[in-house]
C-alpha atoms as a PDB file:
ATOM      1  CA  MET A   1      13.290  -0.007  19.019  1.00  0.00           C
ATOM      2  CA  SER A   2      13.835  -3.013  16.680  1.00  0.00           C
ATOM      3  CA  MET A   3      10.007  -3.713  16.428  1.00  0.00           C
ATOM      4  CA  LEU A   4       9.506  -0.066  15.253  1.00  0.00           C
ATOM      5  CA  TYR A   5      11.932  -0.863  12.333  1.00  0.00           C
ATOM      6  CA  TYR A   6       9.912  -3.966  11.687  1.00  0.00           C
ATOM      7  CA  TRP A   7       6.658  -2.255  11.542  1.00  0.00           C
ATOM      8  CA  LEU A   8       7.981   0.551   9.435  1.00  0.00           C
ATOM      9  CA  ALA A   9       9.545  -1.885   7.020  1.00  0.00           C
ATOM     10  CA  PHE A  10       6.339  -3.806   6.798  1.00  0.00           C
ATOM     11  CA  CYS A  11       4.101  -0.663   6.105  1.00  0.00           C
ATOM     12  CA  LEU A  12       6.565   0.552   3.599  1.00  0.00           C
ATOM     13  CA  GLY A  13       6.486  -2.662   1.827  1.00  0.00           C
ATOM     14  CA  MET A  14       2.783  -2.825   1.772  1.00  0.00           C
ATOM     15  CA  VAL A  15       2.737   0.775   0.219  1.00  0.00           C
ATOM     16  CA  PHE A  16       5.196  -0.051  -2.444  1.00  0.00           C
ATOM     17  CA  TYR A  17       3.526  -3.361  -3.221  1.00  0.00           C
ATOM     18  CA  ALA A  18       0.008  -1.508  -3.687  1.00  0.00           C
ATOM     19  CA  ALA A  19       1.724   1.174  -5.847  1.00  0.00           C
ATOM     20  CA  TYR A  20       3.145  -1.506  -8.012  1.00  0.00           C
ATOM     21  CA  LEU A  21      -0.265  -3.252  -8.292  1.00  0.00           C
ATOM     22  CA  SER A  22      -1.815   0.126  -9.238  1.00  0.00           C
ATOM     23  CA  GLN A  23       0.185   0.426 -12.525  1.00  0.00           C
ATOM     24  CA  SER A  24      -2.632  -0.986 -14.774  1.00  0.00           C
ATOM     25  CA  PHE A  25      -5.332   0.923 -12.878  1.00  0.00           C
ATOM     26  CA  LEU A  26      -3.585   4.223 -13.288  1.00  0.00           C
ATOM     27  CA  LEU A  27      -2.878   3.535 -17.039  1.00  0.00           C
ATOM     28  CA  ALA A  28      -6.704   2.715 -17.605  1.00  0.00           C
ATOM     29  CA  GLN A  29      -7.689   5.802 -15.721  1.00  0.00           C
ATOM     30  CA  GLY A  30      -5.158   8.013 -17.585  1.00  0.00           C
ATOM     31  CA  MET A  31      -6.502   6.642 -21.006  1.00  0.00           C
ATOM     32  CA  ILE A  32     -10.034   7.400 -20.013  1.00  0.00           C
ATOM     33  CA  TYR A  33      -9.074  10.895 -18.839  1.00  0.00           C
ATOM     34  CA  MET A  34      -7.102  11.605 -22.258  1.00  0.00           C
ATOM     35  CA  LYS A  35     -10.277  10.447 -24.190  1.00  0.00           C
ATOM     36  CA  GLU A  36     -12.492  12.733 -22.422  1.00  0.00           C
ATOM     37  CA  THR A  37     -10.260  15.812 -22.262  1.00  0.00           C
ATOM     38  CA  ASP A  38      -7.849  15.476 -25.145  1.00  0.00           C
ATOM     39  CA  ARG A  39      -4.743  16.308 -22.863  1.00  0.00           C
ATOM     40  CA  SER A  40      -2.606  14.420 -20.449  1.00  0.00           C
ATOM     41  CA  PRO A  41      -3.495  14.225 -16.869  1.00  0.00           C
ATOM     42  CA  SER A  42      -1.630  16.544 -14.470  1.00  0.00           C
ATOM     43  CA  LEU A  43       0.700  15.057 -11.932  1.00  0.00           C
ATOM     44  CA  LEU A  44      -1.663  16.050  -9.066  1.00  0.00           C
ATOM     45  CA  TRP A  45      -4.470  14.085 -10.734  1.00  0.00           C
ATOM     46  CA  LEU A  46      -2.200  11.051 -10.962  1.00  0.00           C
ATOM     47  CA  PHE A  47      -1.018  11.349  -7.457  1.00  0.00           C
ATOM     48  CA  THR A  48      -4.519  11.564  -6.020  1.00  0.00           C
ATOM     49  CA  ARG A  49      -5.510   8.563  -7.973  1.00  0.00           C
ATOM     50  CA  LEU A  50      -2.455   6.602  -6.931  1.00  0.00           C
ATOM     51  CA  LEU A  51      -3.136   7.626  -3.124  1.00  0.00           C
ATOM     52  CA  GLY A  52      -6.753   6.555  -3.409  1.00  0.00           C
ATOM     53  CA  PHE A  53      -5.905   3.194  -4.970  1.00  0.00           C
ATOM     54  CA  ILE A  54      -3.200   2.497  -2.280  1.00  0.00           C
ATOM     55  CA  LEU A  55      -5.702   3.393   0.491  1.00  0.00           C
ATOM     56  CA  ARG A  56      -8.329   1.017  -1.032  1.00  0.00           C
ATOM     57  CA  THR A  57      -5.843  -1.840  -1.596  1.00  0.00           C
ATOM     58  CA  ILE A  58      -3.880  -2.006   1.731  1.00  0.00           C
ATOM     59  CA  PRO A  59      -6.813  -3.644   3.636  1.00  0.00           C
ATOM     60  CA  SER A  60      -7.250  -6.343   1.058  1.00  0.00           C
ATOM     61  CA  LEU A  61      -3.450  -6.902   0.939  1.00  0.00           C
ATOM     62  CA  LEU A  62      -3.272  -7.657   4.504  1.00  0.00           C
ATOM     63  CA  MET A  63      -5.662 -10.604   4.067  1.00  0.00           C
ATOM     64  CA  ARG A  64      -3.473 -12.360   1.570  1.00  0.00           C
ATOM     65  CA  PRO A  65      -1.607 -15.408   3.105  1.00  0.00           C
ATOM     66  CA  ILE A  66       1.987 -14.107   3.337  1.00  0.00           C
ATOM     67  CA  PRO A  67       1.181 -10.568   4.505  1.00  0.00           C
ATOM     68  CA  LEU A  68      -1.303 -11.967   7.022  1.00  0.00           C
ATOM     69  CA  ILE A  69       1.437 -14.272   8.336  1.00  0.00           C
ATOM     70  CA  LEU A  70       3.765 -11.405   8.753  1.00  0.00           C
ATOM     71  CA  TRP A  71       1.058  -9.181  10.368  1.00  0.00           C
ATOM     72  CA  VAL A  72       0.213 -11.794  12.923  1.00  0.00           C
ATOM     73  CA  LEU A  73       3.776 -12.620  13.630  1.00  0.00           C
ATOM     74  CA  GLY A  74       4.583  -8.897  14.088  1.00  0.00           C
ATOM     75  CA  LEU A  75       1.682  -8.401  16.429  1.00  0.00           C
ATOM     76  CA  GLY A  76       2.902 -11.510  18.463  1.00  0.00           C
ATOM     77  CA  LEU A  77       6.383 -10.267  18.687  1.00  0.00           C
ATOM     78  CA  THR A  78       5.277  -6.827  19.616  1.00  0.00           C
ATOM     79  CA  VAL A  79       3.068  -8.027  22.390  1.00  0.00           C
ATOM     80  CA  GLN A  80       5.971 -10.288  23.566  1.00  0.00           C
ATOM     81  CA  TYR A  81       8.484  -7.443  23.637  1.00  0.00           C
ATOM     82  CA  SER A  82       6.022  -5.149  25.373  1.00  0.00           C
ATOM     83  CA  PHE A  83       5.534  -7.411  28.292  1.00  0.00           C
ATOM     84  CA  ALA A  84       9.094  -8.861  28.502  1.00  0.00           C
ATOM     85  CA  PRO A  85      10.958  -7.777  31.697  1.00  0.00           C
END
């Protein structure tokens, strides 16, 4: 059960980190939207852009040095606990 908490915390951390990195992207997209339509984007529009950015960013975040070490360590611990008597 403790490995489930590890993976949940890791995934949640990656999502929040990707959301943090999306701030400048969302700001730029919102400014473009406001120039084209002369009104503020809706909350649904912002939410879909945020989800799209997070889904595109997560794979590249996993290849950075620190998350990659955590990813490999977590996989190794999961396998070790799976086959432990």
